[in-house]
Every structure is written in C-alpha cells, then in structure tokens.
Amino acid sequence: MTRTTRTTGTARANWAAFAAAAPGFAKTVEARFATQPHHILATLRRDGSPRTSGLEVQFLNGELRFGMMPDSMKALDLLRDPRFALQVNPGDGTGMGGGDVRISGRAYEVVEAAVKGAYAQEVKPPEGPFHLFRTELTEVVRTYVEDDTYLVVEAWRPGEPVSTVKRT
C-alpha cells in the first residue's frame, strides 16, 4: 500500500510511494543501505538537542521500518517526537561506493500485533518485546562524486521529481 500525506505543509510518503515515484533512485538507495548492516539514526532528545544512535533498517512490504529494544533512548525520542534523520553507514570511509545517502521523515510506532508478528517472522529480532516504527519520508538525498570532477546531489521530496545538481 502506498501512502502519501500532507499535514502542516509538509508532504510525507511511505517507501512504496517513493519507490513508485522514483524507482531507479529508490533501488540505488536500498542497494546503498544493503552494503552495511548498521546505520546512523538521529532523533531529538527531550531538550531538543540531537541524539545519534546505531540502527539496523529493513525495507519490507513497501515500508522502511525500524525495530528497537524496548524503552531504548532512540525509541523514547521517537515516541515523543517522530522526526528523524537516517544516514547510511559510510563503511570504511575510503570510497563510499554508491555515495552518501540520507533519509529524513517521521517514524510512528506500529502496535498492531499482526504487523509486529509478520515483522518478527521476517527479521527474527531477539526474543522478547520490541518497538517497531514505520516511516513517512519527507526527503531522500544521495551525494556522490562523478568522474572525480563533480559533486552530484540527487534529492527527492514527496510530490516532486528527483532533482539533480552537479557542482565542480
């Protein structure tokens, strides 16, 4: 199911809507995330300052989902304020094959037992309770170097085509 919403002036879309709007870009982004198991999630602390945490992500059934330990600080941050930024793991940092990828949006807890059960069957998290979040994307950005000459920035926002800017 694809979902695009607009509230308070900010359009948001689930992963399926992004993949339908920009299939090549979505495939590139998924492939980049697949190169490493752990990535960097930024959330907002109670006082508004940023918190970064390691995180595994899953692209399942048209959704980008985050599973977390119960009452982890990042989960508590998202329950209080759903805004997040996710950055792909740069790996060893020497080549970033595929570029740097960042996703911004909002994450909402999934409480439906059937959805959490299907997720657990697919992902096999550690036994016991866990938080599961579904995401609504506000932006997907990829930055990479082309021909050792250009810095290329590709960006997608819901309701807009992918934009590409090359800088020397």
N, C-alpha and C. Protein backbone atom coordinates (compact mmCIF):
# COMPACT_ATOMS: atom_id res chain seq x y z
N MET A 1 0.84 -1.17 0.00
CA MET A 1 0.00 0.00 0.00
C MET A 1 0.89 1.24 0.00
N THR A 2 0.70 2.10 -0.98
CA THR A 2 1.46 3.35 -0.98
C THR A 2 0.66 4.40 -0.25
N ARG A 3 1.39 5.29 0.41
CA ARG A 3 0.71 6.29 1.22
C ARG A 3 1.48 7.60 1.09
N THR A 4 0.78 8.63 0.70
CA THR A 4 1.34 9.98 0.70
C THR A 4 0.38 10.86 1.47
N THR A 5 0.90 11.63 2.42
CA THR A 5 0.06 12.51 3.22
C THR A 5 0.65 13.90 3.22
N ARG A 6 -0.19 14.87 3.52
CA ARG A 6 0.27 16.24 3.66
C ARG A 6 -0.38 16.82 4.90
N THR A 7 0.44 17.19 5.86
CA THR A 7 -0.06 17.87 7.04
C THR A 7 0.89 19.01 7.37
N THR A 8 0.34 20.08 7.84
CA THR A 8 1.09 21.28 8.21
C THR A 8 2.12 21.66 7.15
N GLY A 9 1.75 21.52 5.88
CA GLY A 9 2.60 21.98 4.81
C GLY A 9 3.73 21.06 4.41
N THR A 10 3.91 19.94 5.09
CA THR A 10 5.00 19.03 4.76
C THR A 10 4.42 17.74 4.20
N ALA A 11 4.72 17.46 2.94
CA ALA A 11 4.27 16.21 2.34
C ALA A 11 5.15 15.08 2.84
N ARG A 12 4.53 13.91 3.06
CA ARG A 12 5.25 12.73 3.50
C ARG A 12 4.75 11.55 2.70
N ALA A 13 5.62 10.57 2.53
CA ALA A 13 5.25 9.38 1.76
C ALA A 13 5.93 8.16 2.37
N ASN A 14 5.29 7.02 2.26
CA ASN A 14 5.96 5.80 2.72
C ASN A 14 6.94 5.34 1.64
N TRP A 15 7.67 4.26 1.92
CA TRP A 15 8.69 3.79 0.99
C TRP A 15 8.09 3.41 -0.35
N ALA A 16 6.95 2.75 -0.34
CA ALA A 16 6.32 2.32 -1.60
C ALA A 16 5.99 3.51 -2.50
N ALA A 17 5.53 4.60 -1.91
CA ALA A 17 5.22 5.79 -2.70
C ALA A 17 6.50 6.37 -3.30
N PHE A 18 7.58 6.40 -2.52
CA PHE A 18 8.87 6.86 -3.04
C PHE A 18 9.33 5.96 -4.18
N ALA A 19 9.26 4.64 -3.97
CA ALA A 19 9.72 3.69 -5.00
C ALA A 19 8.89 3.79 -6.27
N ALA A 20 7.61 4.09 -6.14
CA ALA A 20 6.75 4.25 -7.32
C ALA A 20 7.08 5.56 -8.05
N ALA A 21 7.40 6.60 -7.30
CA ALA A 21 7.68 7.91 -7.90
C ALA A 21 9.08 7.98 -8.50
N ALA A 22 10.03 7.28 -7.90
CA ALA A 22 11.43 7.35 -8.34
C ALA A 22 12.06 5.97 -8.23
N PRO A 23 11.63 5.01 -9.08
CA PRO A 23 12.07 3.62 -8.91
C PRO A 23 13.58 3.42 -8.99
N GLY A 24 14.25 4.05 -9.93
CA GLY A 24 15.70 3.90 -10.04
C GLY A 24 16.44 4.45 -8.84
N PHE A 25 16.01 5.60 -8.40
CA PHE A 25 16.63 6.24 -7.24
C PHE A 25 16.40 5.37 -5.99
N ALA A 26 15.17 4.88 -5.81
CA ALA A 26 14.86 4.03 -4.65
C ALA A 26 15.72 2.77 -4.65
N LYS A 27 15.91 2.17 -5.82
CA LYS A 27 16.74 0.96 -5.92
C LYS A 27 18.19 1.26 -5.53
N THR A 28 18.69 2.39 -5.98
CA THR A 28 20.06 2.81 -5.64
C THR A 28 20.20 3.03 -4.13
N VAL A 29 19.21 3.67 -3.53
CA VAL A 29 19.24 3.94 -2.09
C VAL A 29 19.20 2.62 -1.31
N GLU A 30 18.30 1.72 -1.68
CA GLU A 30 18.22 0.42 -0.99
C GLU A 30 19.54 -0.35 -1.11
N ALA A 31 20.13 -0.32 -2.30
CA ALA A 31 21.40 -1.03 -2.51
C ALA A 31 22.48 -0.43 -1.62
N ARG A 32 22.48 0.87 -1.48
CA ARG A 32 23.49 1.52 -0.64
C ARG A 32 23.33 1.10 0.82
N PHE A 33 22.08 1.03 1.30
CA PHE A 33 21.84 0.59 2.67
C PHE A 33 22.22 -0.87 2.86
N ALA A 34 22.12 -1.67 1.81
CA ALA A 34 22.42 -3.10 1.91
C ALA A 34 23.91 -3.38 2.06
N THR A 35 24.77 -2.40 1.83
CA THR A 35 26.22 -2.64 1.90
C THR A 35 26.73 -2.81 3.32
N GLN A 36 25.99 -2.32 4.31
CA GLN A 36 26.38 -2.42 5.72
C GLN A 36 25.13 -2.73 6.54
N PRO A 37 25.26 -3.47 7.64
CA PRO A 37 24.07 -3.76 8.44
C PRO A 37 23.65 -2.63 9.38
N HIS A 38 24.58 -1.81 9.83
CA HIS A 38 24.27 -0.77 10.81
C HIS A 38 24.42 0.61 10.22
N HIS A 39 23.47 1.49 10.57
CA HIS A 39 23.45 2.85 10.05
C HIS A 39 23.27 3.83 11.21
N ILE A 40 23.20 5.12 10.91
CA ILE A 40 23.14 6.14 11.95
C ILE A 40 21.77 6.83 11.91
N LEU A 41 21.08 6.76 13.05
CA LEU A 41 19.78 7.40 13.22
C LEU A 41 19.95 8.61 14.10
N ALA A 42 19.41 9.74 13.68
CA ALA A 42 19.39 10.95 14.51
C ALA A 42 17.95 11.19 14.95
N THR A 43 17.78 11.39 16.25
CA THR A 43 16.48 11.71 16.84
C THR A 43 16.66 12.97 17.67
N LEU A 44 15.56 13.43 18.25
CA LEU A 44 15.61 14.62 19.09
C LEU A 44 15.38 14.24 20.55
N ARG A 45 16.30 14.67 21.40
CA ARG A 45 16.15 14.45 22.84
C ARG A 45 15.03 15.34 23.38
N ARG A 46 14.65 15.09 24.61
CA ARG A 46 13.60 15.87 25.26
C ARG A 46 13.91 17.37 25.23
N ASP A 47 15.19 17.75 25.38
CA ASP A 47 15.55 19.17 25.39
C ASP A 47 15.73 19.74 23.98
N GLY A 48 15.50 18.92 22.94
CA GLY A 48 15.60 19.39 21.56
C GLY A 48 16.95 19.18 20.92
N SER A 49 17.94 18.76 21.70
CA SER A 49 19.25 18.53 21.12
C SER A 49 19.26 17.19 20.37
N PRO A 50 20.17 17.03 19.42
CA PRO A 50 20.17 15.79 18.63
C PRO A 50 20.82 14.63 19.38
N ARG A 51 20.34 13.44 19.05
CA ARG A 51 20.94 12.21 19.57
C ARG A 51 21.20 11.32 18.35
N THR A 52 22.39 10.75 18.24
CA THR A 52 22.66 9.79 17.17
C THR A 52 22.83 8.41 17.79
N SER A 53 22.33 7.41 17.08
CA SER A 53 22.37 6.03 17.55
C SER A 53 22.57 5.11 16.37
N GLY A 54 23.17 3.96 16.63
CA GLY A 54 23.27 2.93 15.60
C GLY A 54 21.91 2.26 15.42
N LEU A 55 21.67 1.76 14.20
CA LEU A 55 20.36 1.17 13.90
C LEU A 55 20.45 0.27 12.68
N GLU A 56 19.75 -0.83 12.72
CA GLU A 56 19.53 -1.65 11.53
C GLU A 56 18.18 -1.25 10.95
N VAL A 57 18.07 -1.24 9.63
CA VAL A 57 16.82 -0.86 8.98
C VAL A 57 16.36 -1.99 8.06
N GLN A 58 15.07 -2.02 7.81
CA GLN A 58 14.51 -3.02 6.90
C GLN A 58 13.56 -2.34 5.92
N PHE A 59 13.65 -2.77 4.68
CA PHE A 59 12.72 -2.36 3.63
C PHE A 59 11.83 -3.58 3.39
N LEU A 60 10.62 -3.56 3.95
CA LEU A 60 9.71 -4.70 3.87
C LEU A 60 8.32 -4.27 3.46
N ASN A 61 7.78 -4.95 2.45
CA ASN A 61 6.39 -4.73 2.04
C ASN A 61 6.06 -3.25 1.81
N GLY A 62 6.95 -2.56 1.12
CA GLY A 62 6.70 -1.16 0.79
C GLY A 62 6.91 -0.18 1.93
N GLU A 63 7.54 -0.62 2.99
CA GLU A 63 7.77 0.24 4.15
C GLU A 63 9.24 0.20 4.55
N LEU A 64 9.74 1.33 5.01
CA LEU A 64 11.03 1.41 5.68
C LEU A 64 10.71 1.35 7.16
N ARG A 65 11.23 0.33 7.85
CA ARG A 65 10.88 0.11 9.26
C ARG A 65 12.12 0.05 10.13
N PHE A 66 11.92 0.47 11.38
CA PHE A 66 12.97 0.42 12.39
C PHE A 66 12.46 -0.44 13.55
N GLY A 67 13.23 -1.44 13.93
CA GLY A 67 12.94 -2.20 15.14
C GLY A 67 13.92 -1.77 16.22
N MET A 68 13.45 -1.66 17.47
CA MET A 68 14.31 -1.18 18.56
C MET A 68 14.02 -1.92 19.85
N MET A 69 15.01 -1.97 20.70
CA MET A 69 14.85 -2.56 22.02
C MET A 69 13.80 -1.77 22.80
N PRO A 70 13.08 -2.45 23.69
CA PRO A 70 12.07 -1.74 24.47
C PRO A 70 12.68 -0.63 25.31
N ASP A 71 12.05 0.51 25.26
CA ASP A 71 12.45 1.68 26.05
C ASP A 71 13.88 2.15 25.81
N SER A 72 14.43 1.85 24.62
CA SER A 72 15.73 2.43 24.28
C SER A 72 15.56 3.94 24.14
N MET A 73 16.62 4.68 24.32
CA MET A 73 16.54 6.14 24.25
C MET A 73 16.04 6.61 22.89
N LYS A 74 16.50 5.98 21.82
CA LYS A 74 16.05 6.39 20.48
C LYS A 74 14.56 6.12 20.31
N ALA A 75 14.06 5.00 20.85
CA ALA A 75 12.63 4.71 20.77
C ALA A 75 11.83 5.74 21.57
N LEU A 76 12.30 6.06 22.77
CA LEU A 76 11.61 7.06 23.58
C LEU A 76 11.62 8.42 22.90
N ASP A 77 12.74 8.75 22.24
CA ASP A 77 12.80 10.01 21.48
C ASP A 77 11.72 10.03 20.40
N LEU A 78 11.61 8.94 19.63
CA LEU A 78 10.64 8.90 18.53
C LEU A 78 9.20 8.89 19.04
N LEU A 79 8.96 8.26 20.16
CA LEU A 79 7.61 8.27 20.73
C LEU A 79 7.21 9.69 21.14
N ARG A 80 8.18 10.47 21.57
CA ARG A 80 7.92 11.85 21.99
C ARG A 80 7.86 12.81 20.79
N ASP A 81 8.76 12.63 19.84
CA ASP A 81 8.85 13.50 18.66
C ASP A 81 9.25 12.61 17.49
N PRO A 82 8.37 12.40 16.52
CA PRO A 82 8.63 11.40 15.48
C PRO A 82 9.67 11.79 14.42
N ARG A 83 10.19 13.00 14.46
CA ARG A 83 11.14 13.42 13.43
C ARG A 83 12.46 12.68 13.55
N PHE A 84 13.00 12.28 12.40
CA PHE A 84 14.28 11.57 12.38
C PHE A 84 15.06 11.93 11.13
N ALA A 85 16.35 11.64 11.19
CA ALA A 85 17.22 11.65 10.02
C ALA A 85 18.01 10.35 10.09
N LEU A 86 18.19 9.71 8.96
CA LEU A 86 18.88 8.43 8.88
C LEU A 86 19.99 8.57 7.85
N GLN A 87 21.19 8.21 8.23
CA GLN A 87 22.32 8.28 7.30
C GLN A 87 22.91 6.90 7.12
N VAL A 88 23.18 6.56 5.87
CA VAL A 88 23.77 5.26 5.57
C VAL A 88 25.17 5.20 6.17
N ASN A 89 25.54 4.01 6.60
CA ASN A 89 26.87 3.78 7.14
C ASN A 89 27.89 4.03 6.03
N PRO A 90 28.90 4.88 6.29
CA PRO A 90 29.88 5.16 5.24
C PRO A 90 30.87 4.02 5.00
N GLY A 91 30.78 2.95 5.77
CA GLY A 91 31.74 1.86 5.59
C GLY A 91 33.10 2.28 6.11
N ASP A 92 34.14 1.89 5.41
CA ASP A 92 35.47 2.25 5.87
C ASP A 92 35.83 3.69 5.55
N GLY A 93 34.94 4.38 4.84
CA GLY A 93 35.14 5.80 4.57
C GLY A 93 36.09 6.11 3.44
N THR A 94 36.63 5.09 2.77
CA THR A 94 37.62 5.36 1.74
C THR A 94 37.00 5.53 0.36
N GLY A 95 35.81 5.04 0.16
CA GLY A 95 35.24 5.16 -1.17
C GLY A 95 33.75 5.43 -1.18
N MET A 96 33.10 5.04 -0.13
CA MET A 96 31.64 5.21 -0.04
C MET A 96 30.97 4.77 -1.32
N GLY A 97 31.40 3.66 -1.89
CA GLY A 97 30.84 3.15 -3.14
C GLY A 97 29.33 3.32 -3.18
N GLY A 98 28.87 4.18 -4.04
CA GLY A 98 27.44 4.45 -4.15
C GLY A 98 27.04 5.77 -3.53
N GLY A 99 27.97 6.40 -2.83
CA GLY A 99 27.70 7.72 -2.29
C GLY A 99 27.13 7.72 -0.89
N ASP A 100 26.90 8.92 -0.42
CA ASP A 100 26.32 9.15 0.90
C ASP A 100 24.81 9.28 0.72
N VAL A 101 24.03 8.60 1.55
CA VAL A 101 22.58 8.64 1.45
C VAL A 101 22.00 9.05 2.79
N ARG A 102 21.04 9.97 2.75
CA ARG A 102 20.34 10.43 3.94
C ARG A 102 18.83 10.42 3.68
N ILE A 103 18.09 10.01 4.67
CA ILE A 103 16.63 9.99 4.60
C ILE A 103 16.10 10.75 5.80
N SER A 104 15.15 11.63 5.58
CA SER A 104 14.51 12.37 6.67
C SER A 104 13.02 12.06 6.65
N GLY A 105 12.40 12.19 7.80
CA GLY A 105 10.96 11.97 7.86
C GLY A 105 10.47 11.88 9.28
N ARG A 106 9.39 11.11 9.43
CA ARG A 106 8.79 10.89 10.73
C ARG A 106 8.58 9.39 10.91
N ALA A 107 8.73 8.92 12.14
CA ALA A 107 8.57 7.49 12.44
C ALA A 107 7.46 7.34 13.48
N TYR A 108 6.56 6.41 13.22
CA TYR A 108 5.41 6.19 14.09
C TYR A 108 5.39 4.74 14.54
N GLU A 109 5.13 4.53 15.83
CA GLU A 109 5.14 3.18 16.37
C GLU A 109 4.01 2.34 15.79
N VAL A 110 4.35 1.11 15.45
CA VAL A 110 3.38 0.12 15.00
C VAL A 110 3.00 -0.71 16.22
N VAL A 111 1.71 -0.77 16.50
CA VAL A 111 1.26 -1.52 17.67
C VAL A 111 0.41 -2.73 17.29
N GLU A 112 0.01 -2.82 16.03
CA GLU A 112 -0.83 -3.94 15.60
C GLU A 112 -0.04 -5.25 15.72
N ALA A 113 -0.59 -6.19 16.48
CA ALA A 113 0.08 -7.46 16.75
C ALA A 113 0.39 -8.22 15.46
N ALA A 114 -0.52 -8.21 14.50
CA ALA A 114 -0.30 -8.95 13.26
C ALA A 114 0.89 -8.39 12.48
N VAL A 115 1.01 -7.06 12.43
CA VAL A 115 2.11 -6.42 11.71
C VAL A 115 3.43 -6.70 12.42
N LYS A 116 3.43 -6.57 13.75
CA LYS A 116 4.65 -6.85 14.51
C LYS A 116 5.03 -8.32 14.40
N GLY A 117 4.04 -9.20 14.38
CA GLY A 117 4.31 -10.62 14.24
C GLY A 117 4.93 -10.95 12.90
N ALA A 118 4.39 -10.36 11.82
CA ALA A 118 4.95 -10.58 10.48
C ALA A 118 6.37 -10.04 10.40
N TYR A 119 6.61 -8.89 11.01
CA TYR A 119 7.95 -8.31 11.04
C TYR A 119 8.91 -9.26 11.77
N ALA A 120 8.48 -9.76 12.92
CA ALA A 120 9.32 -10.66 13.70
C ALA A 120 9.63 -11.94 12.94
N GLN A 121 8.66 -12.46 12.18
CA GLN A 121 8.88 -13.66 11.37
C GLN A 121 9.94 -13.40 10.30
N GLU A 122 9.88 -12.23 9.70
CA GLU A 122 10.80 -11.89 8.61
C GLU A 122 12.20 -11.53 9.12
N VAL A 123 12.27 -10.72 10.15
CA VAL A 123 13.54 -10.15 10.59
C VAL A 123 14.22 -10.97 11.69
N LYS A 124 13.45 -11.69 12.47
CA LYS A 124 13.98 -12.52 13.57
C LYS A 124 14.72 -11.67 14.61
N PRO A 125 14.04 -10.68 15.22
CA PRO A 125 14.70 -9.90 16.26
C PRO A 125 14.92 -10.77 17.50
N PRO A 126 15.72 -10.28 18.46
CA PRO A 126 15.89 -11.05 19.70
C PRO A 126 14.54 -11.31 20.37
N GLU A 127 14.46 -12.41 21.09
CA GLU A 127 13.21 -12.76 21.79
C GLU A 127 12.81 -11.65 22.75
N GLY A 128 11.52 -11.49 22.93
CA GLY A 128 11.00 -10.52 23.88
C GLY A 128 10.37 -9.33 23.19
N PRO A 129 9.93 -8.38 23.99
CA PRO A 129 9.24 -7.22 23.43
C PRO A 129 10.20 -6.32 22.63
N PHE A 130 9.63 -5.55 21.73
CA PHE A 130 10.41 -4.59 20.95
C PHE A 130 9.48 -3.51 20.43
N HIS A 131 10.07 -2.38 20.10
CA HIS A 131 9.35 -1.30 19.43
C HIS A 131 9.53 -1.50 17.94
N LEU A 132 8.48 -1.23 17.18
CA LEU A 132 8.55 -1.24 15.73
C LEU A 132 8.00 0.09 15.23
N PHE A 133 8.72 0.72 14.33
CA PHE A 133 8.30 2.00 13.78
C PHE A 133 8.19 1.91 12.26
N ARG A 134 7.14 2.50 11.72
CA ARG A 134 7.00 2.69 10.27
C ARG A 134 7.39 4.13 10.00
N THR A 135 7.85 4.39 8.79
CA THR A 135 8.32 5.74 8.48
C THR A 135 7.48 6.40 7.40
N GLU A 136 7.45 7.70 7.49
CA GLU A 136 6.91 8.55 6.43
C GLU A 136 8.05 9.49 6.05
N LEU A 137 8.43 9.45 4.79
CA LEU A 137 9.60 10.18 4.31
C LEU A 137 9.23 11.60 3.92
N THR A 138 10.12 12.54 4.24
CA THR A 138 9.98 13.91 3.77
C THR A 138 11.07 14.27 2.77
N GLU A 139 12.17 13.49 2.78
CA GLU A 139 13.26 13.77 1.85
C GLU A 139 14.21 12.57 1.79
N VAL A 140 14.71 12.32 0.58
CA VAL A 140 15.76 11.32 0.37
C VAL A 140 16.84 12.01 -0.46
N VAL A 141 18.09 11.96 0.01
CA VAL A 141 19.19 12.66 -0.65
C VAL A 141 20.36 11.70 -0.83
N ARG A 142 20.96 11.75 -2.00
CA ARG A 142 22.18 10.99 -2.27
C ARG A 142 23.22 11.97 -2.80
N THR A 143 24.42 11.91 -2.24
CA THR A 143 25.53 12.75 -2.67
C THR A 143 26.69 11.85 -3.05
N TYR A 144 27.27 12.12 -4.22
CA TYR A 144 28.40 11.30 -4.66
C TYR A 144 29.28 12.11 -5.61
N VAL A 145 30.48 11.59 -5.87
CA VAL A 145 31.41 12.24 -6.78
C VAL A 145 31.36 11.50 -8.11
N GLU A 146 31.25 12.27 -9.19
CA GLU A 146 31.18 11.70 -10.54
C GLU A 146 32.43 12.09 -11.31
N ASP A 147 33.07 11.11 -11.90
CA ASP A 147 34.26 11.31 -12.75
C ASP A 147 35.37 12.09 -12.05
N ASP A 148 35.49 11.96 -10.74
CA ASP A 148 36.49 12.69 -9.96
C ASP A 148 36.45 14.19 -10.22
N THR A 149 35.29 14.68 -10.71
CA THR A 149 35.18 16.09 -11.07
C THR A 149 34.00 16.77 -10.41
N TYR A 150 32.86 16.12 -10.42
CA TYR A 150 31.62 16.75 -9.97
C TYR A 150 31.12 16.17 -8.66
N LEU A 151 30.64 17.03 -7.80
CA LEU A 151 29.86 16.60 -6.65
C LEU A 151 28.42 16.60 -7.13
N VAL A 152 27.77 15.46 -7.05
CA VAL A 152 26.39 15.33 -7.53
C VAL A 152 25.48 15.15 -6.33
N VAL A 153 24.42 15.94 -6.28
CA VAL A 153 23.42 15.83 -5.22
C VAL A 153 22.08 15.53 -5.87
N GLU A 154 21.54 14.34 -5.56
CA GLU A 154 20.21 13.95 -6.01
C GLU A 154 19.28 14.06 -4.81
N ALA A 155 18.11 14.64 -5.02
CA ALA A 155 17.16 14.78 -3.91
C ALA A 155 15.74 14.51 -4.40
N TRP A 156 14.97 13.87 -3.53
CA TRP A 156 13.56 13.60 -3.81
C TRP A 156 12.74 14.04 -2.60
N ARG A 157 11.62 14.67 -2.88
CA ARG A 157 10.63 15.03 -1.87
C ARG A 157 9.27 14.61 -2.39
N PRO A 158 8.36 14.20 -1.53
CA PRO A 158 7.03 13.76 -1.98
C PRO A 158 6.36 14.81 -2.86
N GLY A 159 5.80 14.32 -3.97
CA GLY A 159 5.11 15.20 -4.89
C GLY A 159 6.00 15.95 -5.85
N GLU A 160 7.30 15.70 -5.79
CA GLU A 160 8.25 16.38 -6.67
C GLU A 160 9.10 15.35 -7.40
N PRO A 161 9.59 15.68 -8.60
CA PRO A 161 10.52 14.76 -9.27
C PRO A 161 11.88 14.82 -8.59
N VAL A 162 12.71 13.84 -8.89
CA VAL A 162 14.08 13.84 -8.38
C VAL A 162 14.81 15.03 -8.98
N SER A 163 15.49 15.80 -8.15
CA SER A 163 16.30 16.90 -8.66
C SER A 163 17.76 16.49 -8.58
N THR A 164 18.55 16.94 -9.56
CA THR A 164 19.97 16.62 -9.59
C THR A 164 20.75 17.91 -9.79
N VAL A 165 21.73 18.13 -8.93
CA VAL A 165 22.60 19.30 -9.01
C VAL A 165 24.03 18.79 -9.08
N LYS A 166 24.80 19.32 -10.06
CA LYS A 166 26.21 18.98 -10.17
C LYS A 166 27.02 20.22 -9.87
N ARG A 167 28.04 20.03 -9.02
CA ARG A 167 28.93 21.15 -8.65
C ARG A 167 30.35 20.74 -8.94
N THR A 168 31.15 21.69 -9.38
CA THR A 168 32.57 21.40 -9.61
C THR A 168 33.40 21.85 -8.45
